[in-house]
Amino acid sequence: MAEQPREDPLVAKAFDASKHEELAQAVEQLSPEEAQFFLHKLEVALRKRKIQLLGYLVAILAWVLLMVCALAYFGIAEGFVGWAFLIPFAVVGAILYGFGKWANKVGARPPPGPGYDPKP
């Protein structure tokens, strides 16, 4: 299995409130091109984390709804229907896998070329 790309250590400091002062000093020393590259890395990391969080929330909601449905089906069906309780977990796995692939794709975006303006 391929190793997951690690987050840039400077970007990781942006998510740790205790290191904001150290990060601010490091960013002040960057050239405009380096600052632009750092901004891109930070934006990508934020988007990736938002996608992952959305995936967790969608998975939780799907799990609750499907477990309620499985319980209702278990109550009205006759015979062995224990398999119905496995379906919610399979769906949650598929959701988390899909959102993880999407987040990794967003996280692997190359930095923009010269002349990039981060302000729309």
PDB file of N, CA and C in Angstrom:
ATOM      1  N   MET A   1       0.847  -1.180   0.000  1.00  0.00           N
ATOM      2  CA  MET A   1       0.000   0.000   0.000  1.00  0.00           C
ATOM      3  C   MET A   1       0.887   1.237   0.000  1.00  0.00           C
ATOM      4  N   ALA A   2       0.536   2.228  -0.786  1.00  0.00           N
ATOM      5  CA  ALA A   2       1.329   3.450  -0.914  1.00  0.00           C
ATOM      6  C   ALA A   2       1.194   4.298   0.350  1.00  0.00           C
ATOM      7  N   GLU A   3       2.304   4.938   0.702  1.00  0.00           N
ATOM      8  CA  GLU A   3       2.297   5.807   1.876  1.00  0.00           C
ATOM      9  C   GLU A   3       1.538   7.087   1.565  1.00  0.00           C
ATOM     10  N   GLN A   4       0.723   7.519   2.516  1.00  0.00           N
ATOM     11  CA  GLN A   4      -0.068   8.730   2.337  1.00  0.00           C
ATOM     12  C   GLN A   4       0.859   9.947   2.380  1.00  0.00           C
ATOM     13  N   PRO A   5       0.597  10.957   1.546  1.00  0.00           N
ATOM     14  CA  PRO A   5       1.425  12.166   1.591  1.00  0.00           C
ATOM     15  C   PRO A   5       1.255  12.871   2.930  1.00  0.00           C
ATOM     16  N   ARG A   6       2.365  13.287   3.502  1.00  0.00           N
ATOM     17  CA  ARG A   6       2.342  13.973   4.783  1.00  0.00           C
ATOM     18  C   ARG A   6       2.085  15.461   4.555  1.00  0.00           C
ATOM     19  N   GLU A   7       1.464  16.075   5.548  1.00  0.00           N
ATOM     20  CA  GLU A   7       1.187  17.502   5.486  1.00  0.00           C
ATOM     21  C   GLU A   7       2.474  18.269   5.742  1.00  0.00           C
ATOM     22  N   ASP A   8       2.645  19.381   5.064  1.00  0.00           N
ATOM     23  CA  ASP A   8       3.807  20.232   5.255  1.00  0.00           C
ATOM     24  C   ASP A   8       3.867  20.656   6.724  1.00  0.00           C
ATOM     25  N   PRO A   9       5.045  20.555   7.378  1.00  0.00           N
ATOM     26  CA  PRO A   9       5.133  20.919   8.803  1.00  0.00           C
ATOM     27  C   PRO A   9       4.745  22.365   9.077  1.00  0.00           C
ATOM     28  N   LEU A  10       5.053  23.261   8.149  1.00  0.00           N
ATOM     29  CA  LEU A  10       4.697  24.664   8.338  1.00  0.00           C
ATOM     30  C   LEU A  10       3.178  24.837   8.277  1.00  0.00           C
ATOM     31  N   VAL A  11       2.531  24.103   7.394  1.00  0.00           N
ATOM     32  CA  VAL A  11       1.066  24.152   7.291  1.00  0.00           C
ATOM     33  C   VAL A  11       0.438  23.529   8.530  1.00  0.00           C
ATOM     34  N   ALA A  12       1.035  22.455   9.034  1.00  0.00           N
ATOM     35  CA  ALA A  12       0.496  21.800  10.233  1.00  0.00           C
ATOM     36  C   ALA A  12       0.501  22.750  11.424  1.00  0.00           C
ATOM     37  N   LYS A  13       1.485  23.656  11.486  1.00  0.00           N
ATOM     38  CA  LYS A  13       1.537  24.631  12.582  1.00  0.00           C
ATOM     39  C   LYS A  13       0.356  25.588  12.539  1.00  0.00           C
ATOM     40  N   ALA A  14      -0.213  25.807  11.368  1.00  0.00           N
ATOM     41  CA  ALA A  14      -1.348  26.720  11.241  1.00  0.00           C
ATOM     42  C   ALA A  14      -2.569  26.184  11.964  1.00  0.00           C
ATOM     43  N   PHE A  15      -2.635  24.873  12.167  1.00  0.00           N
ATOM     44  CA  PHE A  15      -3.779  24.265  12.843  1.00  0.00           C
ATOM     45  C   PHE A  15      -3.551  24.104  14.342  1.00  0.00           C
ATOM     46  N   ASP A  16      -2.370  24.461  14.820  1.00  0.00           N
ATOM     47  CA  ASP A  16      -2.040  24.386  16.237  1.00  0.00           C
ATOM     48  C   ASP A  16      -1.996  25.813  16.793  1.00  0.00           C
ATOM     49  N   ALA A  17      -2.976  26.177  17.592  1.00  0.00           N
ATOM     50  CA  ALA A  17      -3.102  27.551  18.093  1.00  0.00           C
ATOM     51  C   ALA A  17      -1.898  27.979  18.924  1.00  0.00           C
ATOM     52  N   SER A  18      -1.212  27.045  19.557  1.00  0.00           N
ATOM     53  CA  SER A  18      -0.073  27.410  20.400  1.00  0.00           C
ATOM     54  C   SER A  18       1.152  27.818  19.574  1.00  0.00           C
ATOM     55  N   LYS A  19       1.135  27.534  18.265  1.00  0.00           N
ATOM     56  CA  LYS A  19       2.290  27.842  17.424  1.00  0.00           C
ATOM     57  C   LYS A  19       2.014  28.966  16.425  1.00  0.00           C
ATOM     58  N   HIS A  20       0.946  29.708  16.599  1.00  0.00           N
ATOM     59  CA  HIS A  20       0.605  30.771  15.654  1.00  0.00           C
ATOM     60  C   HIS A  20       1.651  31.882  15.635  1.00  0.00           C
ATOM     61  N   GLU A  21       2.194  32.231  16.789  1.00  0.00           N
ATOM     62  CA  GLU A  21       3.197  33.297  16.843  1.00  0.00           C
ATOM     63  C   GLU A  21       4.452  32.878  16.080  1.00  0.00           C
ATOM     64  N   GLU A  22       4.887  31.654  16.295  1.00  0.00           N
ATOM     65  CA  GLU A  22       6.058  31.121  15.584  1.00  0.00           C
ATOM     66  C   GLU A  22       5.797  31.074  14.080  1.00  0.00           C
ATOM     67  N   LEU A  23       4.589  30.697  13.702  1.00  0.00           N
ATOM     68  CA  LEU A  23       4.215  30.639  12.287  1.00  0.00           C
ATOM     69  C   LEU A  23       4.213  32.043  11.673  1.00  0.00           C
ATOM     70  N   ALA A  24       3.685  33.017  12.390  1.00  0.00           N
ATOM     71  CA  ALA A  24       3.647  34.389  11.876  1.00  0.00           C
ATOM     72  C   ALA A  24       5.051  34.915  11.615  1.00  0.00           C
ATOM     73  N   GLN A  25       5.980  34.619  12.503  1.00  0.00           N
ATOM     74  CA  GLN A  25       7.363  35.052  12.308  1.00  0.00           C
ATOM     75  C   GLN A  25       7.987  34.365  11.093  1.00  0.00           C
ATOM     76  N   ALA A  26       7.676  33.092  10.903  1.00  0.00           N
ATOM     77  CA  ALA A  26       8.227  32.351   9.763  1.00  0.00           C
ATOM     78  C   ALA A  26       7.659  32.878   8.447  1.00  0.00           C
ATOM     79  N   VAL A  27       6.384  33.220   8.423  1.00  0.00           N
ATOM     80  CA  VAL A  27       5.745  33.708   7.193  1.00  0.00           C
ATOM     81  C   VAL A  27       6.279  35.094   6.830  1.00  0.00           C
ATOM     82  N   GLU A  28       6.571  35.916   7.825  1.00  0.00           N
ATOM     83  CA  GLU A  28       7.104  37.256   7.555  1.00  0.00           C
ATOM     84  C   GLU A  28       8.440  37.208   6.826  1.00  0.00           C
ATOM     85  N   GLN A  29       9.181  36.138   6.993  1.00  0.00           N
ATOM     86  CA  GLN A  29      10.500  36.022   6.386  1.00  0.00           C
ATOM     87  C   GLN A  29      10.457  35.432   4.978  1.00  0.00           C
ATOM     88  N   LEU A  30       9.289  35.067   4.514  1.00  0.00           N
ATOM     89  CA  LEU A  30       9.161  34.450   3.192  1.00  0.00           C
ATOM     90  C   LEU A  30       9.163  35.489   2.085  1.00  0.00           C
ATOM     91  N   SER A  31       9.686  35.113   0.939  1.00  0.00           N
ATOM     92  CA  SER A  31       9.601  35.972  -0.240  1.00  0.00           C
ATOM     93  C   SER A  31       8.164  35.919  -0.754  1.00  0.00           C
ATOM     94  N   PRO A  32       7.763  36.830  -1.644  1.00  0.00           N
ATOM     95  CA  PRO A  32       6.385  36.800  -2.161  1.00  0.00           C
ATOM     96  C   PRO A  32       6.031  35.465  -2.834  1.00  0.00           C
ATOM     97  N   GLU A  33       6.973  34.881  -3.567  1.00  0.00           N
ATOM     98  CA  GLU A  33       6.696  33.602  -4.229  1.00  0.00           C
ATOM     99  C   GLU A  33       6.530  32.487  -3.205  1.00  0.00           C
ATOM    100  N   GLU A  34       7.387  32.502  -2.177  1.00  0.00           N
ATOM    101  CA  GLU A  34       7.284  31.488  -1.127  1.00  0.00           C
ATOM    102  C   GLU A  34       5.994  31.664  -0.338  1.00  0.00           C
ATOM    103  N   ALA A  35       5.617  32.917  -0.078  1.00  0.00           N
ATOM    104  CA  ALA A  35       4.367  33.184   0.641  1.00  0.00           C
ATOM    105  C   ALA A  35       3.167  32.713  -0.171  1.00  0.00           C
ATOM    106  N   GLN A  36       3.228  32.914  -1.480  1.00  0.00           N
ATOM    107  CA  GLN A  36       2.154  32.458  -2.361  1.00  0.00           C
ATOM    108  C   GLN A  36       2.067  30.927  -2.328  1.00  0.00           C
ATOM    109  N   PHE A  37       3.210  30.255  -2.358  1.00  0.00           N
ATOM    110  CA  PHE A  37       3.240  28.804  -2.290  1.00  0.00           C
ATOM    111  C   PHE A  37       2.677  28.323  -0.956  1.00  0.00           C
ATOM    112  N   PHE A  38       3.065  28.980   0.146  1.00  0.00           N
ATOM    113  CA  PHE A  38       2.552  28.618   1.464  1.00  0.00           C
ATOM    114  C   PHE A  38       1.043  28.820   1.535  1.00  0.00           C
ATOM    115  N   LEU A  39       0.562  29.926   0.984  1.00  0.00           N
ATOM    116  CA  LEU A  39      -0.875  30.192   0.975  1.00  0.00           C
ATOM    117  C   LEU A  39      -1.619  29.094   0.223  1.00  0.00           C
ATOM    118  N   HIS A  40      -1.073  28.671  -0.898  1.00  0.00           N
ATOM    119  CA  HIS A  40      -1.692  27.581  -1.659  1.00  0.00           C
ATOM    120  C   HIS A  40      -1.746  26.303  -0.821  1.00  0.00           C
ATOM    121  N   LYS A  41      -0.621  25.961  -0.170  1.00  0.00           N
ATOM    122  CA  LYS A  41      -0.574  24.744   0.649  1.00  0.00           C
ATOM    123  C   LYS A  41      -1.587  24.828   1.790  1.00  0.00           C
ATOM    124  N   LEU A  42      -1.719  26.010   2.397  1.00  0.00           N
ATOM    125  CA  LEU A  42      -2.658  26.187   3.493  1.00  0.00           C
ATOM    126  C   LEU A  42      -4.100  26.059   3.005  1.00  0.00           C
ATOM    127  N   GLU A  43      -4.418  26.669   1.864  1.00  0.00           N
ATOM    128  CA  GLU A  43      -5.767  26.563   1.308  1.00  0.00           C
ATOM    129  C   GLU A  43      -6.115  25.125   0.975  1.00  0.00           C
ATOM    130  N   VAL A  44      -5.170  24.400   0.400  1.00  0.00           N
ATOM    131  CA  VAL A  44      -5.403  22.994   0.047  1.00  0.00           C
ATOM    132  C   VAL A  44      -5.631  22.164   1.311  1.00  0.00           C
ATOM    133  N   ALA A  45      -4.827  22.417   2.349  1.00  0.00           N
ATOM    134  CA  ALA A  45      -4.984  21.676   3.605  1.00  0.00           C
ATOM    135  C   ALA A  45      -6.341  21.958   4.239  1.00  0.00           C
ATOM    136  N   LEU A  46      -6.789  23.211   4.189  1.00  0.00           N
ATOM    137  CA  LEU A  46      -8.101  23.551   4.744  1.00  0.00           C
ATOM    138  C   LEU A  46      -9.226  22.878   3.962  1.00  0.00           C
ATOM    139  N   ARG A  47      -9.133  22.897   2.626  1.00  0.00           N
ATOM    140  CA  ARG A  47     -10.154  22.238   1.808  1.00  0.00           C
ATOM    141  C   ARG A  47     -10.191  20.740   2.092  1.00  0.00           C
ATOM    142  N   LYS A  48      -9.016  20.146   2.217  1.00  0.00           N
ATOM    143  CA  LYS A  48      -8.937  18.709   2.476  1.00  0.00           C
ATOM    144  C   LYS A  48      -9.598  18.373   3.812  1.00  0.00           C
ATOM    145  N   ARG A  49      -9.318  19.155   4.828  1.00  0.00           N
ATOM    146  CA  ARG A  49      -9.915  18.894   6.138  1.00  0.00           C
ATOM    147  C   ARG A  49     -11.424  19.119   6.131  1.00  0.00           C
ATOM    148  N   LYS A  50     -11.902  20.100   5.382  1.00  0.00           N
ATOM    149  CA  LYS A  50     -13.346  20.327   5.280  1.00  0.00           C
ATOM    150  C   LYS A  50     -14.031  19.145   4.604  1.00  0.00           C
ATOM    151  N   ILE A  51     -13.406  18.616   3.556  1.00  0.00           N
ATOM    152  CA  ILE A  51     -13.974  17.462   2.851  1.00  0.00           C
ATOM    153  C   ILE A  51     -14.005  16.253   3.774  1.00  0.00           C
ATOM    154  N   GLN A  52     -12.944  16.044   4.539  1.00  0.00           N
ATOM    155  CA  GLN A  52     -12.916  14.921   5.469  1.00  0.00           C
ATOM    156  C   GLN A  52     -13.995  15.066   6.542  1.00  0.00           C
ATOM    157  N   LEU A  53     -14.152  16.264   7.072  1.00  0.00           N
ATOM    158  CA  LEU A  53     -15.176  16.498   8.082  1.00  0.00           C
ATOM    159  C   LEU A  53     -16.569  16.265   7.504  1.00  0.00           C
ATOM    160  N   LEU A  54     -16.803  16.744   6.292  1.00  0.00           N
ATOM    161  CA  LEU A  54     -18.090  16.507   5.634  1.00  0.00           C
ATOM    162  C   LEU A  54     -18.327  15.014   5.457  1.00  0.00           C
ATOM    163  N   GLY A  55     -17.289  14.279   5.091  1.00  0.00           N
ATOM    164  CA  GLY A  55     -17.409  12.833   4.935  1.00  0.00           C
ATOM    165  C   GLY A  55     -17.803  12.155   6.239  1.00  0.00           C
ATOM    166  N   TYR A  56     -17.188  12.580   7.346  1.00  0.00           N
ATOM    167  CA  TYR A  56     -17.544  12.006   8.644  1.00  0.00           C
ATOM    168  C   TYR A  56     -19.004  12.285   8.987  1.00  0.00           C
ATOM    169  N   LEU A  57     -19.441  13.509   8.741  1.00  0.00           N
ATOM    170  CA  LEU A  57     -20.829  13.865   9.060  1.00  0.00           C
ATOM    171  C   LEU A  57     -21.825  13.096   8.197  1.00  0.00           C
ATOM    172  N   VAL A  58     -21.534  12.973   6.902  1.00  0.00           N
ATOM    173  CA  VAL A  58     -22.410  12.211   6.003  1.00  0.00           C
ATOM    174  C   VAL A  58     -22.445  10.748   6.430  1.00  0.00           C
ATOM    175  N   ALA A  59     -21.290  10.203   6.805  1.00  0.00           N
ATOM    176  CA  ALA A  59     -21.225   8.803   7.226  1.00  0.00           C
ATOM    177  C   ALA A  59     -22.021   8.572   8.508  1.00  0.00           C
ATOM    178  N   ILE A  60     -21.920   9.484   9.461  1.00  0.00           N
ATOM    179  CA  ILE A  60     -22.673   9.344  10.713  1.00  0.00           C
ATOM    180  C   ILE A  60     -24.175   9.382  10.436  1.00  0.00           C
ATOM    181  N   LEU A  61     -24.593  10.333   9.618  1.00  0.00           N
ATOM    182  CA  LEU A  61     -26.014  10.446   9.292  1.00  0.00           C
ATOM    183  C   LEU A  61     -26.507   9.189   8.571  1.00  0.00           C
ATOM    184  N   ALA A  62     -25.742   8.716   7.614  1.00  0.00           N
ATOM    185  CA  ALA A  62     -26.128   7.506   6.887  1.00  0.00           C
ATOM    186  C   ALA A  62     -26.189   6.312   7.829  1.00  0.00           C
ATOM    187  N   TRP A  63     -25.225   6.202   8.735  1.00  0.00           N
ATOM    188  CA  TRP A  63     -25.206   5.076   9.668  1.00  0.00           C
ATOM    189  C   TRP A  63     -26.452   5.075  10.555  1.00  0.00           C
ATOM    190  N   VAL A  64     -26.799   6.250  11.095  1.00  0.00           N
ATOM    191  CA  VAL A  64     -27.980   6.327  11.974  1.00  0.00           C
ATOM    192  C   VAL A  64     -29.244   5.957  11.202  1.00  0.00           C
ATOM    193  N   LEU A  65     -29.425   6.537  10.030  1.00  0.00           N
ATOM    194  CA  LEU A  65     -30.631   6.249   9.248  1.00  0.00           C
ATOM    195  C   LEU A  65     -30.705   4.777   8.845  1.00  0.00           C
ATOM    196  N   LEU A  66     -29.594   4.225   8.390  1.00  0.00           N
ATOM    197  CA  LEU A  66     -29.610   2.829   7.959  1.00  0.00           C
ATOM    198  C   LEU A  66     -29.757   1.860   9.133  1.00  0.00           C
ATOM    199  N   MET A  67     -29.226   2.205  10.285  1.00  0.00           N
ATOM    200  CA  MET A  67     -29.414   1.340  11.462  1.00  0.00           C
ATOM    201  C   MET A  67     -30.875   1.348  11.912  1.00  0.00           C
ATOM    202  N   VAL A  68     -31.532   2.503  11.837  1.00  0.00           N
ATOM    203  CA  VAL A  68     -32.958   2.563  12.179  1.00  0.00           C
ATOM    204  C   VAL A  68     -33.760   1.714  11.185  1.00  0.00           C
ATOM    205  N   CYS A  69     -33.420   1.829   9.909  1.00  0.00           N
ATOM    206  CA  CYS A  69     -34.095   1.018   8.897  1.00  0.00           C
ATOM    207  C   CYS A  69     -33.828  -0.477   9.113  1.00  0.00           C
ATOM    208  N   ALA A  70     -32.598  -0.823   9.447  1.00  0.00           N
ATOM    209  CA  ALA A  70     -32.263  -2.230   9.698  1.00  0.00           C
ATOM    210  C   ALA A  70     -33.021  -2.752  10.909  1.00  0.00           C
ATOM    211  N   LEU A  71     -33.135  -1.939  11.935  1.00  0.00           N
ATOM    212  CA  LEU A  71     -33.875  -2.348  13.125  1.00  0.00           C
ATOM    213  C   LEU A  71     -35.356  -2.535  12.804  1.00  0.00           C
ATOM    214  N   ALA A  72     -35.910  -1.625  12.011  1.00  0.00           N
ATOM    215  CA  ALA A  72     -37.316  -1.761  11.618  1.00  0.00           C
ATOM    216  C   ALA A  72     -37.519  -3.021  10.775  1.00  0.00           C
ATOM    217  N   TYR A  73     -36.611  -3.273   9.848  1.00  0.00           N
ATOM    218  CA  TYR A  73     -36.713  -4.473   9.011  1.00  0.00           C
ATOM    219  C   TYR A  73     -36.569  -5.725   9.871  1.00  0.00           C
ATOM    220  N   PHE A  74     -35.667  -5.697  10.841  1.00  0.00           N
ATOM    221  CA  PHE A  74     -35.465  -6.822  11.738  1.00  0.00           C
ATOM    222  C   PHE A  74     -36.738  -7.114  12.531  1.00  0.00           C
ATOM    223  N   GLY A  75     -37.462  -6.043  12.880  1.00  0.00           N
ATOM    224  CA  GLY A  75     -38.684  -6.214  13.660  1.00  0.00           C
ATOM    225  C   GLY A  75     -39.840  -6.778  12.864  1.00  0.00           C
ATOM    226  N   ILE A  76     -39.919  -6.500  11.577  1.00  0.00           N
ATOM    227  CA  ILE A  76     -41.085  -6.963  10.801  1.00  0.00           C
ATOM    228  C   ILE A  76     -40.802  -8.221   9.991  1.00  0.00           C
ATOM    229  N   ALA A  77     -39.542  -8.560   9.787  1.00  0.00           N
ATOM    230  CA  ALA A  77     -39.207  -9.714   8.955  1.00  0.00           C
ATOM    231  C   ALA A  77     -39.225 -10.990   9.792  1.00  0.00           C
ATOM    232  N   GLU A  78     -39.422 -12.095   9.097  1.00  0.00           N
ATOM    233  CA  GLU A  78     -39.397 -13.399   9.760  1.00  0.00           C
ATOM    234  C   GLU A  78     -38.149 -14.143   9.330  1.00  0.00           C
ATOM    235  N   GLY A  79     -37.633 -14.948  10.228  1.00  0.00           N
ATOM    236  CA  GLY A  79     -36.426 -15.697   9.914  1.00  0.00           C
ATOM    237  C   GLY A  79     -35.190 -14.881  10.261  1.00  0.00           C
ATOM    238  N   PHE A  80     -34.038 -15.386   9.807  1.00  0.00           N
ATOM    239  CA  PHE A  80     -32.775 -14.714  10.112  1.00  0.00           C
ATOM    240  C   PHE A  80     -32.555 -13.537   9.170  1.00  0.00           C
ATOM    241  N   VAL A  81     -32.485 -12.336   9.725  1.00  0.00           N
ATOM    242  CA  VAL A  81     -32.208 -11.145   8.928  1.00  0.00           C
ATOM    243  C   VAL A  81     -31.094 -10.311   9.589  1.00  0.00           C
ATOM    244  N   GLY A  82     -30.197 -10.977  10.301  1.00  0.00           N
ATOM    245  CA  GLY A  82     -29.092 -10.286  10.963  1.00  0.00           C
ATOM    246  C   GLY A  82     -28.159  -9.590   9.984  1.00  0.00           C
ATOM    247  N   TRP A  83     -28.179 -10.057   8.736  1.00  0.00           N
ATOM    248  CA  TRP A  83     -27.345  -9.441   7.701  1.00  0.00           C
ATOM    249  C   TRP A  83     -27.717  -7.975   7.488  1.00  0.00           C
ATOM    250  N   ALA A  84     -28.941  -7.619   7.848  1.00  0.00           N
ATOM    251  CA  ALA A  84     -29.399  -6.237   7.638  1.00  0.00           C
ATOM    252  C   ALA A  84     -28.574  -5.249   8.461  1.00  0.00           C
ATOM    253  N   PHE A  85     -27.968  -5.720   9.558  1.00  0.00           N
ATOM    254  CA  PHE A  85     -27.164  -4.834  10.392  1.00  0.00           C
ATOM    255  C   PHE A  85     -25.747  -4.650   9.848  1.00  0.00           C
ATOM    256  N   LEU A  86     -25.368  -5.427   8.857  1.00  0.00           N
ATOM    257  CA  LEU A  86     -24.057  -5.265   8.234  1.00  0.00           C
ATOM    258  C   LEU A  86     -24.084  -4.204   7.139  1.00  0.00           C
ATOM    259  N   ILE A  87     -25.236  -3.999   6.532  1.00  0.00           N
ATOM    260  CA  ILE A  87     -25.353  -3.044   5.426  1.00  0.00           C
ATOM    261  C   ILE A  87     -24.970  -1.622   5.846  1.00  0.00           C
ATOM    262  N   PRO A  88     -25.435  -1.120   6.999  1.00  0.00           N
ATOM    263  CA  PRO A  88     -25.037   0.248   7.383  1.00  0.00           C
ATOM    264  C   PRO A  88     -23.521   0.423   7.480  1.00  0.00           C
ATOM    265  N   PHE A  89     -22.830  -0.590   7.981  1.00  0.00           N
ATOM    266  CA  PHE A  89     -21.381  -0.483   8.111  1.00  0.00           C
ATOM    267  C   PHE A  89     -20.692  -0.522   6.760  1.00  0.00           C
ATOM    268  N   ALA A  90     -21.227  -1.301   5.848  1.00  0.00           N
ATOM    269  CA  ALA A  90     -20.661  -1.335   4.494  1.00  0.00           C
ATOM    270  C   ALA A  90     -20.858   0.007   3.795  1.00  0.00           C
ATOM    271  N   VAL A  91     -22.016   0.612   3.969  1.00  0.00           N
ATOM    272  CA  VAL A  91     -22.286   1.915   3.356  1.00  0.00           C
ATOM    273  C   VAL A  91     -21.384   2.982   3.968  1.00  0.00           C
ATOM    274  N   VAL A  92     -21.209   2.954   5.285  1.00  0.00           N
ATOM    275  CA  VAL A  92     -20.320   3.921   5.952  1.00  0.00           C
ATOM    276  C   VAL A  92     -18.894   3.753   5.434  1.00  0.00           C
ATOM    277  N   GLY A  93     -18.446   2.525   5.281  1.00  0.00           N
ATOM    278  CA  GLY A  93     -17.110   2.290   4.743  1.00  0.00           C
ATOM    279  C   GLY A  93     -16.951   2.860   3.345  1.00  0.00           C
ATOM    280  N   ALA A  94     -17.966   2.652   2.511  1.00  0.00           N
ATOM    281  CA  ALA A  94     -17.911   3.178   1.144  1.00  0.00           C
ATOM    282  C   ALA A  94     -17.911   4.710   1.140  1.00  0.00           C
ATOM    283  N   ILE A  95     -18.702   5.311   2.005  1.00  0.00           N
ATOM    284  CA  ILE A  95     -18.755   6.781   2.087  1.00  0.00           C
ATOM    285  C   ILE A  95     -17.402   7.331   2.530  1.00  0.00           C
ATOM    286  N   LEU A  96     -16.830   6.756   3.587  1.00  0.00           N
ATOM    287  CA  LEU A  96     -15.544   7.237   4.074  1.00  0.00           C
ATOM    288  C   LEU A  96     -14.437   7.025   3.050  1.00  0.00           C
ATOM    289  N   TYR A  97     -14.486   5.917   2.341  1.00  0.00           N
ATOM    290  CA  TYR A  97     -13.500   5.655   1.300  1.00  0.00           C
ATOM    291  C   TYR A  97     -13.614   6.698   0.183  1.00  0.00           C
ATOM    292  N   GLY A  98     -14.842   6.966  -0.263  1.00  0.00           N
ATOM    293  CA  GLY A  98     -15.063   7.933  -1.331  1.00  0.00           C
ATOM    294  C   GLY A  98     -14.628   9.335  -0.944  1.00  0.00           C
ATOM    295  N   PHE A  99     -15.005   9.766   0.247  1.00  0.00           N
ATOM    296  CA  PHE A  99     -14.598  11.097   0.696  1.00  0.00           C
ATOM    297  C   PHE A  99     -13.089  11.168   0.921  1.00  0.00           C
ATOM    298  N   GLY A 100     -12.482  10.074   1.366  1.00  0.00           N
ATOM    299  CA  GLY A 100     -11.033  10.046   1.550  1.00  0.00           C
ATOM    300  C   GLY A 100     -10.292  10.177   0.228  1.00  0.00           C
ATOM    301  N   LYS A 101     -10.772   9.471  -0.793  1.00  0.00           N
ATOM    302  CA  LYS A 101     -10.164   9.588  -2.119  1.00  0.00           C
ATOM    303  C   LYS A 101     -10.305  11.015  -2.645  1.00  0.00           C
ATOM    304  N   TRP A 102     -11.483  11.604  -2.453  1.00  0.00           N
ATOM    305  CA  TRP A 102     -11.730  12.973  -2.901  1.00  0.00           C
ATOM    306  C   TRP A 102     -10.793  13.941  -2.171  1.00  0.00           C
ATOM    307  N   ALA A 103     -10.667  13.781  -0.848  1.00  0.00           N
ATOM    308  CA  ALA A 103      -9.796  14.670  -0.066  1.00  0.00           C
ATOM    309  C   ALA A 103      -8.341  14.518  -0.496  1.00  0.00           C
ATOM    310  N   ASN A 104      -7.898  13.307  -0.755  1.00  0.00           N
ATOM    311  CA  ASN A 104      -6.515  13.109  -1.204  1.00  0.00           C
ATOM    312  C   ASN A 104      -6.288  13.723  -2.578  1.00  0.00           C
ATOM    313  N   LYS A 105      -7.297  13.662  -3.429  1.00  0.00           N
ATOM    314  CA  LYS A 105      -7.176  14.265  -4.757  1.00  0.00           C
ATOM    315  C   LYS A 105      -7.049  15.784  -4.630  1.00  0.00           C
ATOM    316  N   VAL A 106      -7.851  16.379  -3.767  1.00  0.00           N
ATOM    317  CA  VAL A 106      -7.774  17.829  -3.539  1.00  0.00           C
ATOM    318  C   VAL A 106      -6.434  18.180  -2.897  1.00  0.00           C
ATOM    319  N   GLY A 107      -5.954  17.340  -1.978  1.00  0.00           N
ATOM    320  CA  GLY A 107      -4.696  17.608  -1.292  1.00  0.00           C
ATOM    321  C   GLY A 107      -3.473  17.474  -2.174  1.00  0.00           C
ATOM    322  N   ALA A 108      -3.606  16.816  -3.297  1.00  0.00           N
ATOM    323  CA  ALA A 108      -2.468  16.604  -4.191  1.00  0.00           C
ATOM    324  C   ALA A 108      -2.410  17.636  -5.314  1.00  0.00           C
ATOM    325  N   ARG A 109      -3.247  18.648  -5.252  1.00  0.00           N
ATOM    326  CA  ARG A 109      -3.229  19.676  -6.303  1.00  0.00           C
ATOM    327  C   ARG A 109      -1.878  20.365  -6.370  1.00  0.00           C
ATOM    328  N   PRO A 110      -1.361  20.543  -7.574  1.00  0.00           N
ATOM    329  CA  PRO A 110      -0.076  21.242  -7.694  1.00  0.00           C
ATOM    330  C   PRO A 110      -0.261  22.738  -7.433  1.00  0.00           C
ATOM    331  N   PRO A 111       0.803  23.388  -7.008  1.00  0.00           N
ATOM    332  CA  PRO A 111       0.695  24.837  -6.770  1.00  0.00           C
ATOM    333  C   PRO A 111       0.462  25.581  -8.071  1.00  0.00           C
ATOM    334  N   PRO A 112      -0.157  26.740  -8.003  1.00  0.00           N
ATOM    335  CA  PRO A 112      -0.426  27.509  -9.218  1.00  0.00           C
ATOM    336  C   PRO A 112       0.857  28.052  -9.819  1.00  0.00           C
ATOM    337  N   GLY A 113       0.751  28.383 -11.074  1.00  0.00           N
ATOM    338  CA  GLY A 113       1.906  28.924 -11.784  1.00  0.00           C
ATOM    339  C   GLY A 113       2.135  30.386 -11.472  1.00  0.00           C
ATOM    340  N   PRO A 114       3.142  30.987 -12.109  1.00  0.00           N
ATOM    341  CA  PRO A 114       3.425  32.403 -11.863  1.00  0.00           C
ATOM    342  C   PRO A 114       2.256  33.285 -12.294  1.00  0.00           C
ATOM    343  N   GLY A 115       2.081  34.360 -11.583  1.00  0.00           N
ATOM    344  CA  GLY A 115       1.001  35.289 -11.901  1.00  0.00           C
ATOM    345  C   GLY A 115      -0.307  34.939 -11.224  1.00  0.00           C
ATOM    346  N   TYR A 116      -0.281  33.951 -10.346  1.00  0.00           N
ATOM    347  CA  TYR A 116      -1.485  33.537  -9.622  1.00  0.00           C
ATOM    348  C   TYR A 116      -1.872  34.602  -8.610  1.00  0.00           C
ATOM    349  N   ASP A 117      -3.145  34.985  -8.634  1.00  0.00           N
ATOM    350  CA  ASP A 117      -3.640  35.957  -7.659  1.00  0.00           C
ATOM    351  C   ASP A 117      -4.636  35.248  -6.754  1.00  0.00           C
ATOM    352  N   PRO A 118      -4.310  35.052  -5.455  1.00  0.00           N
ATOM    353  CA  PRO A 118      -5.214  34.332  -4.573  1.00  0.00           C
ATOM    354  C   PRO A 118      -6.511  35.070  -4.285  1.00  0.00           C
ATOM    355  N   LYS A 119      -6.565  36.350  -4.576  1.00  0.00           N
ATOM    356  CA  LYS A 119      -7.785  37.126  -4.324  1.00  0.00           C
ATOM    357  C   LYS A 119      -8.648  37.075  -5.569  1.00  0.00           C
ATOM    358  N   PRO A 120      -9.884  36.566  -5.446  1.00  0.00           N
ATOM    359  CA  PRO A 120     -10.760  36.472  -6.627  1.00  0.00           C
ATOM    360  C   PRO A 120     -11.277  37.823  -7.074  1.00  0.00           C
TER     361      PRO A 120
END
